[in-house]
Amino acid sequence: MAAFFAVVIAALTMVGLVAAPVQAAPTAREMTLTFVRHGESEGNASGKIDTTTPGPDLTDLGRKQARQVAELLSDQRFDGVYASRMVRTQQTARPTALRHRLPIVVKPGFHEILAGDYEGQPESDARDTYFAAPSKWLRGDLAARIPGAENGYEFKKRVDDSLASVVAAGKKNPVIFAHGGMIMVWSMMTASNGADYAQKLQTDPLRNVGRVVMKGNPTKGWRIVEWIGNPQLPDVADCGAGALPLDLGSLAPC
């Protein structure tokens, strides 16, 4: 993903962001959205672009990261736990859902930016292939299309549509387990203050179980309030052979 960060930072430096907040309605209720990138997946470990559904599982490290991020965010009082249709996000969400005694709700719009014709190609080539169109989206060219996949209008609409269903459910503080590209591009396209966080893509890129927190609502718009690309994760007990399926001390499943 390092090449992508360089593309995005260049795009933002050249022209800034295209997002424009809508004026707030007097009765608009503020929400807090916490987007968490999934733990390390087998796709990440392979170095290949993989946006297929259901996609690869988490690695052993990714499963540990899922338990660690559940501990890290245990005091957040989430009122909803959401994931994309890709299994790596659902597996990452499971410890947090158990911690908060909430179901995992899968939404179709929170999946990764689709790679289309670049599926299975090396991530090291992503700057000139997979992420060429998303870098144009950030410059305002939403008609740019990833060959064999989606354009910027389609990408933003499907994320917005899934988020609208979260809003309609009355959630005030949901956590959404999703994907690095989706989280970074959508938040930069959408937030009124995205340009203020542009340098984070270079100094604190969103690694596995990194998070972006936004406040606002669809009426008045959204703003980024926290960007933690490389969180300091707490220690959790290892889950070795014969371990119980649940670490009773932390509610973090093995």
Protein backbone atom coordinates (compact mmCIF):
# COMPACT_ATOMS: atom_id res chain seq x y z
CA MET A 1 0.00 0.00 0.00
CA ALA A 2 2.99 2.36 0.31
CA ALA A 3 2.82 3.33 -3.36
CA PHE A 4 -0.82 4.32 -2.95
CA PHE A 5 -0.03 6.71 -0.11
CA ALA A 6 2.46 8.50 -2.35
CA VAL A 7 -0.14 8.84 -5.11
CA VAL A 8 -2.78 10.24 -2.76
CA ILE A 9 -0.48 12.70 -1.04
CA ALA A 10 0.60 14.02 -4.44
CA ALA A 11 -3.01 14.42 -5.54
CA LEU A 12 -4.00 16.28 -2.41
CA THR A 13 -0.94 18.51 -2.53
CA MET A 14 -1.66 19.53 -6.12
CA VAL A 15 -5.31 20.42 -5.91
CA GLY A 16 -6.72 19.83 -2.44
CA LEU A 17 -9.94 17.99 -1.72
CA VAL A 18 -13.22 18.21 -3.56
CA ALA A 19 -15.51 17.57 -0.59
CA ALA A 20 -17.92 20.37 0.31
CA PRO A 21 -20.04 20.07 3.47
CA VAL A 22 -23.75 20.71 3.33
CA GLN A 23 -25.06 23.39 5.68
CA ALA A 24 -26.25 21.88 8.94
CA ALA A 25 -29.93 21.58 9.69
CA PRO A 26 -30.86 22.96 13.12
CA THR A 27 -31.97 19.53 14.37
CA ALA A 28 -29.12 17.51 12.83
CA ARG A 29 -27.83 14.92 15.29
CA GLU A 30 -24.08 14.41 15.44
CA MET A 31 -22.75 10.90 15.06
CA THR A 32 -19.33 9.40 15.65
CA LEU A 33 -18.07 6.94 13.03
CA THR A 34 -15.07 4.78 13.84
CA PHE A 35 -13.59 3.09 10.77
CA VAL A 36 -11.12 0.29 11.54
CA ARG A 37 -9.00 -1.40 8.90
CA HIS A 38 -9.01 -5.20 9.09
CA GLY A 39 -6.16 -7.23 10.57
CA GLU A 40 -3.44 -8.76 8.42
CA SER A 41 -4.96 -11.06 5.81
CA GLU A 42 -3.43 -13.82 3.76
CA GLY A 43 -3.79 -11.45 0.81
CA ASN A 44 -1.69 -8.82 2.56
CA ALA A 45 0.96 -11.40 3.31
CA SER A 46 1.06 -12.54 -0.33
CA GLY A 47 1.82 -9.08 -1.71
CA LYS A 48 -0.93 -9.50 -4.32
CA ILE A 49 -3.96 -7.27 -4.88
CA ASP A 50 -7.03 -9.16 -3.68
CA THR A 51 -10.46 -7.52 -3.63
CA THR A 52 -12.48 -10.66 -4.36
CA THR A 53 -15.46 -11.69 -2.25
CA PRO A 54 -15.43 -13.34 0.23
CA GLY A 55 -11.65 -13.02 -0.06
CA PRO A 56 -8.84 -14.44 2.07
CA ASP A 57 -8.94 -15.13 5.80
CA LEU A 58 -6.87 -13.40 8.43
CA THR A 59 -3.43 -14.73 9.21
CA ASP A 60 -2.53 -15.79 12.75
CA LEU A 61 -1.11 -12.31 13.24
CA GLY A 62 -4.33 -10.77 11.90
CA ARG A 63 -6.43 -12.77 14.35
CA LYS A 64 -4.25 -11.56 17.19
CA GLN A 65 -4.56 -7.97 15.94
CA ALA A 66 -8.35 -8.37 15.95
CA ARG A 67 -8.25 -9.34 19.61
CA GLN A 68 -5.83 -6.54 20.40
CA VAL A 69 -7.93 -3.84 18.76
CA ALA A 70 -11.00 -5.11 20.63
CA GLU A 71 -9.10 -4.54 23.86
CA LEU A 72 -7.84 -1.15 22.70
CA LEU A 73 -11.32 0.13 21.87
CA SER A 74 -13.15 -1.63 24.70
CA ASP A 75 -14.18 1.64 26.39
CA GLN A 76 -15.79 3.24 23.35
CA ARG A 77 -19.43 2.26 24.01
CA PHE A 78 -20.17 1.35 20.43
CA ASP A 79 -23.85 0.89 19.65
CA GLY A 80 -23.35 -1.00 16.40
CA VAL A 81 -20.70 -3.23 14.83
CA TYR A 82 -20.50 -3.32 11.04
CA ALA A 83 -18.30 -5.09 8.53
CA SER A 84 -17.91 -5.41 4.78
CA ARG A 85 -18.90 -8.49 2.81
CA MET A 86 -15.24 -9.61 2.82
CA VAL A 87 -14.46 -12.17 5.51
CA ARG A 88 -11.30 -10.47 6.75
CA THR A 89 -13.35 -7.58 8.12
CA GLN A 90 -15.92 -9.89 9.70
CA GLN A 91 -13.17 -11.90 11.39
CA THR A 92 -11.57 -8.69 12.66
CA ALA A 93 -14.93 -7.44 13.95
CA ARG A 94 -15.76 -10.60 15.92
CA PRO A 95 -13.82 -9.86 19.14
CA THR A 96 -15.22 -6.33 19.29
CA ALA A 97 -18.76 -7.60 18.72
CA LEU A 98 -18.32 -10.09 21.55
CA ARG A 99 -16.88 -7.45 23.83
CA HIS A 100 -19.89 -5.18 23.28
CA ARG A 101 -22.42 -8.03 23.02
CA LEU A 102 -23.57 -6.83 19.62
CA PRO A 103 -24.17 -8.67 16.34
CA ILE A 104 -21.95 -8.07 13.33
CA VAL A 105 -24.03 -6.46 10.59
CA VAL A 106 -22.61 -6.91 7.09
CA LYS A 107 -23.16 -4.05 4.66
CA PRO A 108 -22.45 -4.43 0.93
CA GLY A 109 -21.05 -0.94 0.39
CA PHE A 110 -18.13 -1.08 2.83
CA HIS A 111 -15.97 -3.46 0.79
CA GLU A 112 -12.57 -2.55 -0.62
CA ILE A 113 -12.15 -0.49 -3.79
CA LEU A 114 -12.56 -3.12 -6.50
CA ALA A 115 -9.43 -3.93 -8.50
CA GLY A 116 -11.14 -5.14 -11.69
CA ASP A 117 -8.55 -6.03 -14.32
CA TYR A 118 -5.75 -5.55 -11.78
CA GLU A 119 -6.95 -8.35 -9.50
CA GLY A 120 -4.08 -10.60 -8.47
CA GLN A 121 -1.35 -8.25 -9.69
CA PRO A 122 1.54 -7.18 -7.42
CA GLU A 123 0.71 -4.48 -4.89
CA SER A 124 4.07 -2.94 -5.79
CA ASP A 125 2.60 -1.94 -9.18
CA ALA A 126 -0.56 -0.39 -7.67
CA ARG A 127 0.56 3.22 -8.14
CA ASP A 128 0.38 2.96 -11.92
CA THR A 129 -2.45 0.43 -12.11
CA TYR A 130 -5.02 -0.14 -9.38
CA PHE A 131 -4.78 3.31 -7.76
CA ALA A 132 -4.47 5.42 -10.90
CA ALA A 133 -8.23 6.07 -11.00
CA PRO A 134 -8.73 6.64 -7.23
CA SER A 135 -6.01 9.29 -7.31
CA LYS A 136 -8.09 11.07 -9.99
CA TRP A 137 -11.20 10.81 -7.79
CA LEU A 138 -9.38 12.87 -5.19
CA ARG A 139 -8.72 15.53 -7.82
CA GLY A 140 -12.43 15.70 -8.60
CA ASP A 141 -12.52 13.37 -11.63
CA LEU A 142 -15.11 10.92 -10.34
CA ALA A 143 -15.76 9.62 -13.86
CA ALA A 144 -12.35 7.92 -13.88
CA ARG A 145 -12.87 4.17 -13.86
CA ILE A 146 -10.70 1.31 -12.70
CA PRO A 147 -10.70 -0.98 -15.77
CA GLY A 148 -13.20 -3.76 -15.22
CA ALA A 149 -14.47 -2.20 -11.98
CA GLU A 150 -15.99 0.98 -10.57
CA ASN A 151 -15.67 4.72 -11.06
CA GLY A 152 -15.62 7.35 -8.34
CA TYR A 153 -19.35 8.06 -8.48
CA GLU A 154 -20.18 4.37 -8.03
CA PHE A 155 -17.63 3.95 -5.25
CA LYS A 156 -18.85 6.92 -3.23
CA LYS A 157 -22.53 6.06 -3.74
CA ARG A 158 -22.21 2.50 -2.49
CA VAL A 159 -20.33 3.61 0.64
CA ASP A 160 -22.81 6.45 1.21
CA ASP A 161 -25.77 4.09 0.72
CA SER A 162 -24.52 1.60 3.30
CA LEU A 163 -23.76 4.42 5.71
CA ALA A 164 -27.28 5.78 5.19
CA SER A 165 -28.68 2.45 6.42
CA VAL A 166 -26.53 2.74 9.56
CA VAL A 167 -27.93 6.24 10.12
CA ALA A 168 -31.48 5.01 9.49
CA ALA A 169 -30.96 2.35 12.17
CA GLY A 170 -30.54 5.15 14.71
CA LYS A 171 -26.91 4.47 15.54
CA LYS A 172 -24.93 7.24 17.20
CA ASN A 173 -21.57 5.57 17.76
CA PRO A 174 -21.00 2.67 15.34
CA VAL A 175 -17.71 0.98 14.53
CA ILE A 176 -17.21 -0.08 10.92
CA PHE A 177 -14.57 -2.67 10.05
CA ALA A 178 -13.49 -2.07 6.49
CA HIS A 179 -10.43 -1.69 4.25
CA GLY A 180 -7.47 0.65 3.96
CA GLY A 181 -8.19 1.97 0.47
CA MET A 182 -11.91 2.36 1.09
CA ILE A 183 -11.45 4.15 4.41
CA MET A 184 -8.75 6.54 3.23
CA VAL A 185 -10.26 7.45 -0.12
CA TRP A 186 -13.85 7.82 1.12
CA SER A 187 -12.84 9.86 4.17
CA MET A 188 -10.65 12.17 2.07
CA MET A 189 -13.38 12.55 -0.56
CA THR A 190 -16.04 13.22 2.06
CA ALA A 191 -14.56 15.09 5.03
CA SER A 192 -14.69 18.87 5.04
CA ASN A 193 -11.25 18.93 6.66
CA GLY A 194 -9.61 16.13 4.70
CA ALA A 195 -6.82 18.40 3.48
CA ASP A 196 -5.77 18.95 7.11
CA TYR A 197 -4.97 15.25 7.33
CA ALA A 198 -3.25 14.89 3.96
CA GLN A 199 0.21 14.59 5.48
CA LYS A 200 -0.99 11.65 7.59
CA LEU A 201 -0.90 9.54 4.44
CA GLN A 202 2.84 10.04 4.40
CA THR A 203 3.66 10.20 8.11
CA ASP A 204 1.04 7.84 9.57
CA PRO A 205 -0.47 5.63 6.82
CA LEU A 206 -3.35 3.35 7.75
CA ARG A 207 -1.85 -0.02 8.64
CA ASN A 208 -3.72 -3.14 9.74
CA VAL A 209 -6.24 -2.26 12.50
CA GLY A 210 -5.46 1.43 12.11
CA ARG A 211 -8.48 3.71 12.42
CA VAL A 212 -10.08 6.93 11.25
CA VAL A 213 -12.75 8.58 13.40
CA MET A 214 -15.23 11.05 11.91
CA LYS A 215 -18.00 13.18 13.40
CA GLY A 216 -21.02 14.73 11.76
CA ASN A 217 -23.96 13.37 9.79
CA PRO A 218 -25.10 13.14 6.16
CA THR A 219 -26.98 16.45 6.44
CA LYS A 220 -24.24 18.76 7.65
CA GLY A 221 -21.31 16.68 6.39
CA TRP A 222 -18.42 14.89 8.06
CA ARG A 223 -15.09 15.89 9.54
CA ILE A 224 -12.13 13.78 10.57
CA VAL A 225 -11.35 14.06 14.29
CA GLU A 226 -8.80 11.28 14.71
CA TRP A 227 -6.39 9.40 12.44
CA ILE A 228 -4.35 6.62 14.04
CA GLY A 229 -2.52 4.79 11.30
CA ASN A 230 -0.29 2.63 13.48
CA PRO A 231 -1.99 2.07 16.85
CA GLN A 232 -0.08 0.91 19.89
CA LEU A 233 -1.80 -2.38 20.59
CA PRO A 234 -2.13 -3.93 24.06
CA ASP A 235 -0.78 -7.36 24.91
CA VAL A 236 -3.28 -10.22 24.81
CA ALA A 237 -2.85 -13.84 25.76
CA ASP A 238 -1.66 -16.13 22.98
CA CYS A 239 -4.10 -18.77 21.78
CA GLY A 240 -2.13 -21.97 21.45
CA ALA A 241 -3.18 -25.52 20.69
CA GLY A 242 -5.97 -26.67 23.02
CA ALA A 243 -6.84 -23.14 24.13
CA LEU A 244 -10.40 -22.28 25.01
CA PRO A 245 -12.33 -20.60 22.19
CA LEU A 246 -12.68 -17.54 24.41
CA ASP A 247 -10.16 -15.77 26.59
CA LEU A 248 -12.45 -15.23 29.58
CA GLY A 249 -10.30 -12.47 31.00
CA SER A 250 -10.54 -10.24 27.96
CA LEU A 251 -13.54 -11.55 26.01
CA ALA A 252 -11.13 -11.84 23.08
CA PRO A 253 -11.83 -15.08 21.16
CA CYS A 254 -8.90 -17.27 20.25
